[in-house]
Amino acid sequence: MEDDRLPTSLWVDAHLRRLDLSATPYYVLNKGAPASGTVMIKINGIENGCLLLQQQRDLDGVMGWMRMLDGQDEKRIDLYIKQCLDRDPDLWVIEVEDRSLENPFEGNVF
């Protein structure tokens, strides 16, 4: 069976370009595997806390986002990200600043 999905690096670059165009601050905290790394997004609401989402596919293969940590202290989220990177260095981690804690990437949050 062929996998016709975009390489992760191309997919991430397209979304980062959209963030550039909307003047949304972001930081690539870790560049993962170019072809197939999973993406994690830390949404920093500044004074409104943080939200951590991880890319997941449902049983039908549709990409979405799973809430990993919500409304947590930023230090706790950073520690969790570090632990994830220790286990999976191919993980992409992107931090986005958005006071409304909205996910700027495509896909449903579940």
N, C-alpha and C. Protein backbone atom coordinates (compact mmCIF):
# COMPACT_ATOMS: atom_id res chain seq x y z
N MET A 1 0.84 -1.18 0.00
CA MET A 1 0.00 0.00 0.00
C MET A 1 0.89 1.24 0.00
N GLU A 2 0.61 2.18 -0.88
CA GLU A 2 1.38 3.42 -0.95
C GLU A 2 0.89 4.43 0.07
N ASP A 3 1.82 5.22 0.57
CA ASP A 3 1.48 6.30 1.49
C ASP A 3 1.62 7.61 0.72
N ASP A 4 0.49 8.26 0.44
CA ASP A 4 0.52 9.48 -0.36
C ASP A 4 0.49 10.75 0.49
N ARG A 5 0.83 10.63 1.75
CA ARG A 5 0.86 11.81 2.63
C ARG A 5 2.08 12.66 2.33
N LEU A 6 1.95 13.96 2.59
CA LEU A 6 3.08 14.87 2.43
C LEU A 6 4.15 14.56 3.47
N PRO A 7 5.41 14.77 3.13
CA PRO A 7 6.45 14.66 4.15
C PRO A 7 6.17 15.69 5.26
N THR A 8 6.46 15.32 6.49
CA THR A 8 6.18 16.20 7.62
C THR A 8 6.84 17.56 7.47
N SER A 9 8.08 17.59 7.01
CA SER A 9 8.78 18.88 6.89
C SER A 9 8.06 19.83 5.93
N LEU A 10 7.55 19.31 4.84
CA LEU A 10 6.81 20.14 3.88
C LEU A 10 5.49 20.62 4.48
N TRP A 11 4.80 19.73 5.17
CA TRP A 11 3.53 20.07 5.82
C TRP A 11 3.74 21.16 6.88
N VAL A 12 4.80 20.99 7.70
CA VAL A 12 5.10 21.98 8.74
C VAL A 12 5.47 23.31 8.10
N ASP A 13 6.32 23.28 7.07
CA ASP A 13 6.73 24.53 6.41
C ASP A 13 5.53 25.30 5.87
N ALA A 14 4.56 24.61 5.30
CA ALA A 14 3.37 25.27 4.79
C ALA A 14 2.59 25.95 5.91
N HIS A 15 2.47 25.28 7.04
CA HIS A 15 1.74 25.88 8.16
C HIS A 15 2.52 27.04 8.78
N LEU A 16 3.84 26.91 8.84
CA LEU A 16 4.64 28.01 9.38
C LEU A 16 4.57 29.23 8.46
N ARG A 17 4.47 29.00 7.18
CA ARG A 17 4.32 30.11 6.23
C ARG A 17 3.01 30.85 6.50
N ARG A 18 1.94 30.11 6.78
CA ARG A 18 0.66 30.74 7.12
C ARG A 18 0.79 31.57 8.40
N LEU A 19 1.55 31.06 9.38
CA LEU A 19 1.77 31.82 10.61
C LEU A 19 2.56 33.10 10.31
N ASP A 20 3.55 33.00 9.42
CA ASP A 20 4.31 34.19 9.03
C ASP A 20 3.38 35.24 8.42
N LEU A 21 2.50 34.80 7.53
CA LEU A 21 1.60 35.72 6.84
C LEU A 21 0.61 36.39 7.79
N SER A 22 0.25 35.69 8.86
CA SER A 22 -0.69 36.27 9.83
C SER A 22 0.04 36.97 10.98
N ALA A 23 1.37 37.04 10.89
CA ALA A 23 2.20 37.69 11.92
C ALA A 23 2.02 37.06 13.29
N THR A 24 1.82 35.74 13.31
CA THR A 24 1.69 35.00 14.57
C THR A 24 3.07 34.53 15.01
N PRO A 25 3.50 34.91 16.21
CA PRO A 25 4.82 34.47 16.67
C PRO A 25 4.86 32.96 16.90
N TYR A 26 5.93 32.34 16.46
CA TYR A 26 6.13 30.91 16.68
C TYR A 26 7.63 30.61 16.80
N TYR A 27 7.93 29.46 17.36
CA TYR A 27 9.30 28.99 17.52
C TYR A 27 9.32 27.51 17.23
N VAL A 28 10.25 27.07 16.41
CA VAL A 28 10.42 25.65 16.18
C VAL A 28 11.38 25.17 17.26
N LEU A 29 10.84 24.47 18.26
CA LEU A 29 11.65 24.02 19.38
C LEU A 29 12.45 22.77 19.04
N ASN A 30 11.92 21.95 18.13
CA ASN A 30 12.64 20.74 17.71
C ASN A 30 12.20 20.37 16.30
N LYS A 31 13.19 20.21 15.41
CA LYS A 31 12.91 19.71 14.06
C LYS A 31 13.04 18.20 14.11
N GLY A 32 11.96 17.53 13.79
CA GLY A 32 11.94 16.08 13.83
C GLY A 32 12.32 15.46 12.50
N ALA A 33 11.91 14.23 12.32
CA ALA A 33 12.20 13.50 11.09
C ALA A 33 11.53 14.21 9.92
N PRO A 34 12.30 14.51 8.85
CA PRO A 34 11.73 15.25 7.72
C PRO A 34 10.59 14.53 7.01
N ALA A 35 10.66 13.22 6.93
CA ALA A 35 9.66 12.49 6.15
C ALA A 35 8.44 12.09 6.95
N SER A 36 8.63 11.75 8.22
CA SER A 36 7.50 11.12 8.92
C SER A 36 7.40 11.45 10.41
N GLY A 37 8.01 12.52 10.87
CA GLY A 37 7.92 12.84 12.29
C GLY A 37 6.52 13.28 12.69
N THR A 38 6.18 13.02 13.93
CA THR A 38 4.91 13.47 14.50
C THR A 38 5.09 14.91 14.98
N VAL A 39 4.00 15.67 14.98
CA VAL A 39 4.06 17.09 15.35
C VAL A 39 3.36 17.30 16.70
N MET A 40 4.01 18.10 17.54
CA MET A 40 3.44 18.52 18.82
C MET A 40 3.42 20.05 18.81
N ILE A 41 2.31 20.62 19.25
CA ILE A 41 2.18 22.08 19.27
C ILE A 41 1.96 22.55 20.71
N LYS A 42 2.82 23.45 21.13
CA LYS A 42 2.63 24.11 22.43
C LYS A 42 2.04 25.48 22.11
N ILE A 43 0.82 25.72 22.56
CA ILE A 43 0.19 27.01 22.35
C ILE A 43 0.32 27.79 23.65
N ASN A 44 1.09 28.86 23.58
CA ASN A 44 1.37 29.68 24.75
C ASN A 44 0.42 30.86 24.75
N GLY A 45 -0.47 30.87 25.72
CA GLY A 45 -1.45 31.96 25.84
C GLY A 45 -0.95 33.11 26.67
N ILE A 46 0.37 33.15 26.89
CA ILE A 46 1.03 34.17 27.71
C ILE A 46 0.40 34.13 29.11
N GLU A 47 -0.42 35.10 29.48
CA GLU A 47 -1.01 35.10 30.82
C GLU A 47 -2.21 34.17 30.93
N ASN A 48 -2.63 33.56 29.83
CA ASN A 48 -3.79 32.67 29.83
C ASN A 48 -3.43 31.18 29.90
N GLY A 49 -2.21 30.88 30.28
CA GLY A 49 -1.80 29.48 30.41
C GLY A 49 -1.30 28.91 29.08
N CYS A 50 -1.14 27.61 29.06
CA CYS A 50 -0.62 26.93 27.88
C CYS A 50 -1.49 25.71 27.56
N LEU A 51 -1.40 25.30 26.31
CA LEU A 51 -2.11 24.12 25.83
C LEU A 51 -1.11 23.32 25.01
N LEU A 52 -1.10 22.01 25.19
CA LEU A 52 -0.20 21.15 24.44
C LEU A 52 -1.03 20.16 23.64
N LEU A 53 -0.82 20.15 22.32
CA LEU A 53 -1.54 19.25 21.41
C LEU A 53 -0.55 18.35 20.70
N GLN A 54 -0.96 17.11 20.46
CA GLN A 54 -0.12 16.20 19.69
C GLN A 54 -0.92 15.68 18.50
N GLN A 55 -0.25 15.62 17.37
CA GLN A 55 -0.87 15.14 16.14
C GLN A 55 -1.22 13.66 16.29
N GLN A 56 -2.45 13.34 15.91
CA GLN A 56 -2.94 11.95 15.97
C GLN A 56 -3.81 11.70 14.75
N ARG A 57 -3.87 10.48 14.32
CA ARG A 57 -4.79 10.10 13.25
C ARG A 57 -5.85 9.19 13.85
N ASP A 58 -7.10 9.37 13.37
CA ASP A 58 -8.17 8.51 13.86
C ASP A 58 -8.13 7.18 13.10
N LEU A 59 -9.08 6.31 13.37
CA LEU A 59 -9.10 4.99 12.75
C LEU A 59 -9.25 5.04 11.23
N ASP A 60 -9.81 6.15 10.72
CA ASP A 60 -9.96 6.32 9.28
C ASP A 60 -8.76 7.01 8.64
N GLY A 61 -7.75 7.34 9.45
CA GLY A 61 -6.56 7.99 8.93
C GLY A 61 -6.66 9.50 8.83
N VAL A 62 -7.73 10.08 9.36
CA VAL A 62 -7.91 11.53 9.31
C VAL A 62 -7.09 12.16 10.44
N MET A 63 -6.29 13.15 10.07
CA MET A 63 -5.42 13.79 11.05
C MET A 63 -6.20 14.75 11.94
N GLY A 64 -5.88 14.74 13.21
CA GLY A 64 -6.46 15.64 14.19
C GLY A 64 -5.44 15.88 15.30
N TRP A 65 -5.91 16.44 16.38
CA TRP A 65 -5.02 16.81 17.49
C TRP A 65 -5.59 16.31 18.82
N MET A 66 -4.76 15.69 19.60
CA MET A 66 -5.16 15.23 20.93
C MET A 66 -4.63 16.21 21.97
N ARG A 67 -5.51 16.61 22.88
CA ARG A 67 -5.08 17.47 23.99
C ARG A 67 -4.22 16.64 24.94
N MET A 68 -2.99 17.06 25.11
CA MET A 68 -2.10 16.36 26.02
C MET A 68 -2.13 17.02 27.40
N LEU A 69 -1.92 18.29 27.45
CA LEU A 69 -1.98 19.06 28.69
C LEU A 69 -2.69 20.37 28.38
N ASP A 70 -3.60 20.77 29.24
CA ASP A 70 -4.40 21.96 28.99
C ASP A 70 -4.43 22.80 30.25
N GLY A 71 -4.18 24.10 30.10
CA GLY A 71 -4.25 25.00 31.24
C GLY A 71 -3.17 24.76 32.28
N GLN A 72 -2.09 24.15 31.85
CA GLN A 72 -1.03 23.80 32.78
C GLN A 72 0.02 24.91 32.85
N ASP A 73 0.81 24.84 33.90
CA ASP A 73 1.95 25.71 34.06
C ASP A 73 2.94 25.45 32.92
N GLU A 74 3.52 26.49 32.37
CA GLU A 74 4.43 26.35 31.24
C GLU A 74 5.63 25.46 31.58
N LYS A 75 6.14 25.55 32.79
CA LYS A 75 7.29 24.71 33.18
C LYS A 75 6.92 23.23 33.15
N ARG A 76 5.70 22.91 33.55
CA ARG A 76 5.27 21.51 33.52
C ARG A 76 5.16 21.00 32.08
N ILE A 77 4.63 21.84 31.21
CA ILE A 77 4.51 21.47 29.80
C ILE A 77 5.90 21.32 29.18
N ASP A 78 6.82 22.23 29.49
CA ASP A 78 8.19 22.12 28.97
C ASP A 78 8.86 20.83 29.43
N LEU A 79 8.64 20.45 30.66
CA LEU A 79 9.21 19.20 31.18
C LEU A 79 8.61 18.00 30.44
N TYR A 80 7.31 18.03 30.20
CA TYR A 80 6.66 16.95 29.47
C TYR A 80 7.22 16.85 28.04
N ILE A 81 7.41 18.00 27.39
CA ILE A 81 7.99 18.01 26.04
C ILE A 81 9.39 17.41 26.06
N LYS A 82 10.19 17.78 27.05
CA LYS A 82 11.55 17.23 27.16
C LYS A 82 11.51 15.72 27.30
N GLN A 83 10.59 15.22 28.13
CA GLN A 83 10.48 13.77 28.31
C GLN A 83 10.06 13.09 27.00
N CYS A 84 9.16 13.71 26.26
CA CYS A 84 8.74 13.15 24.97
C CYS A 84 9.90 13.13 23.98
N LEU A 85 10.71 14.19 23.96
CA LEU A 85 11.85 14.25 23.06
C LEU A 85 12.93 13.24 23.44
N ASP A 86 13.06 12.95 24.73
CA ASP A 86 14.00 11.92 25.18
C ASP A 86 13.61 10.56 24.61
N ARG A 87 12.30 10.31 24.51
CA ARG A 87 11.80 9.04 23.97
C ARG A 87 11.75 9.04 22.45
N ASP A 88 11.46 10.19 21.85
CA ASP A 88 11.26 10.28 20.41
C ASP A 88 11.91 11.54 19.85
N PRO A 89 13.20 11.48 19.50
CA PRO A 89 13.88 12.67 18.98
C PRO A 89 13.38 13.07 17.59
N ASP A 90 12.58 12.24 16.93
CA ASP A 90 12.03 12.57 15.61
C ASP A 90 10.77 13.41 15.69
N LEU A 91 10.38 13.78 16.89
CA LEU A 91 9.18 14.59 17.12
C LEU A 91 9.42 16.05 16.75
N TRP A 92 8.49 16.63 16.02
CA TRP A 92 8.52 18.06 15.74
C TRP A 92 7.80 18.77 16.87
N VAL A 93 8.39 19.83 17.41
CA VAL A 93 7.75 20.61 18.48
C VAL A 93 7.76 22.08 18.07
N ILE A 94 6.57 22.64 17.99
CA ILE A 94 6.41 24.03 17.58
C ILE A 94 5.64 24.77 18.67
N GLU A 95 6.18 25.90 19.10
CA GLU A 95 5.50 26.75 20.08
C GLU A 95 4.90 27.94 19.35
N VAL A 96 3.63 28.20 19.60
CA VAL A 96 2.91 29.31 18.99
C VAL A 96 2.38 30.19 20.11
N GLU A 97 2.52 31.49 19.95
CA GLU A 97 1.96 32.42 20.92
C GLU A 97 0.58 32.87 20.44
N ASP A 98 -0.42 32.62 21.27
CA ASP A 98 -1.79 33.03 20.95
C ASP A 98 -2.58 33.12 22.25
N ARG A 99 -2.91 34.33 22.64
CA ARG A 99 -3.62 34.53 23.91
C ARG A 99 -4.97 33.82 23.96
N SER A 100 -5.58 33.56 22.79
CA SER A 100 -6.88 32.88 22.77
C SER A 100 -6.73 31.35 22.80
N LEU A 101 -5.50 30.86 22.77
CA LEU A 101 -5.20 29.42 22.81
C LEU A 101 -5.85 28.64 21.66
N GLU A 102 -5.97 29.29 20.50
CA GLU A 102 -6.55 28.64 19.32
C GLU A 102 -5.46 27.86 18.58
N ASN A 103 -5.82 26.68 18.10
CA ASN A 103 -4.90 25.88 17.31
C ASN A 103 -4.83 26.44 15.89
N PRO A 104 -3.65 26.90 15.44
CA PRO A 104 -3.54 27.48 14.10
C PRO A 104 -3.35 26.45 13.00
N PHE A 105 -3.23 25.18 13.35
CA PHE A 105 -2.99 24.12 12.38
C PHE A 105 -4.32 23.43 12.04
N GLU A 106 -4.38 22.86 10.84
CA GLU A 106 -5.62 22.21 10.41
C GLU A 106 -5.87 20.93 11.21
N GLY A 107 -7.13 20.59 11.34
CA GLY A 107 -7.52 19.36 12.02
C GLY A 107 -8.30 19.64 13.29
N ASN A 108 -9.19 18.74 13.62
CA ASN A 108 -10.00 18.85 14.83
C ASN A 108 -9.20 18.52 16.07
N VAL A 109 -9.56 19.15 17.17
CA VAL A 109 -8.96 18.86 18.46
C VAL A 109 -9.92 17.93 19.20
N PHE A 110 -9.41 16.79 19.66
CA PHE A 110 -10.24 15.86 20.42
C PHE A 110 -9.55 15.43 21.68
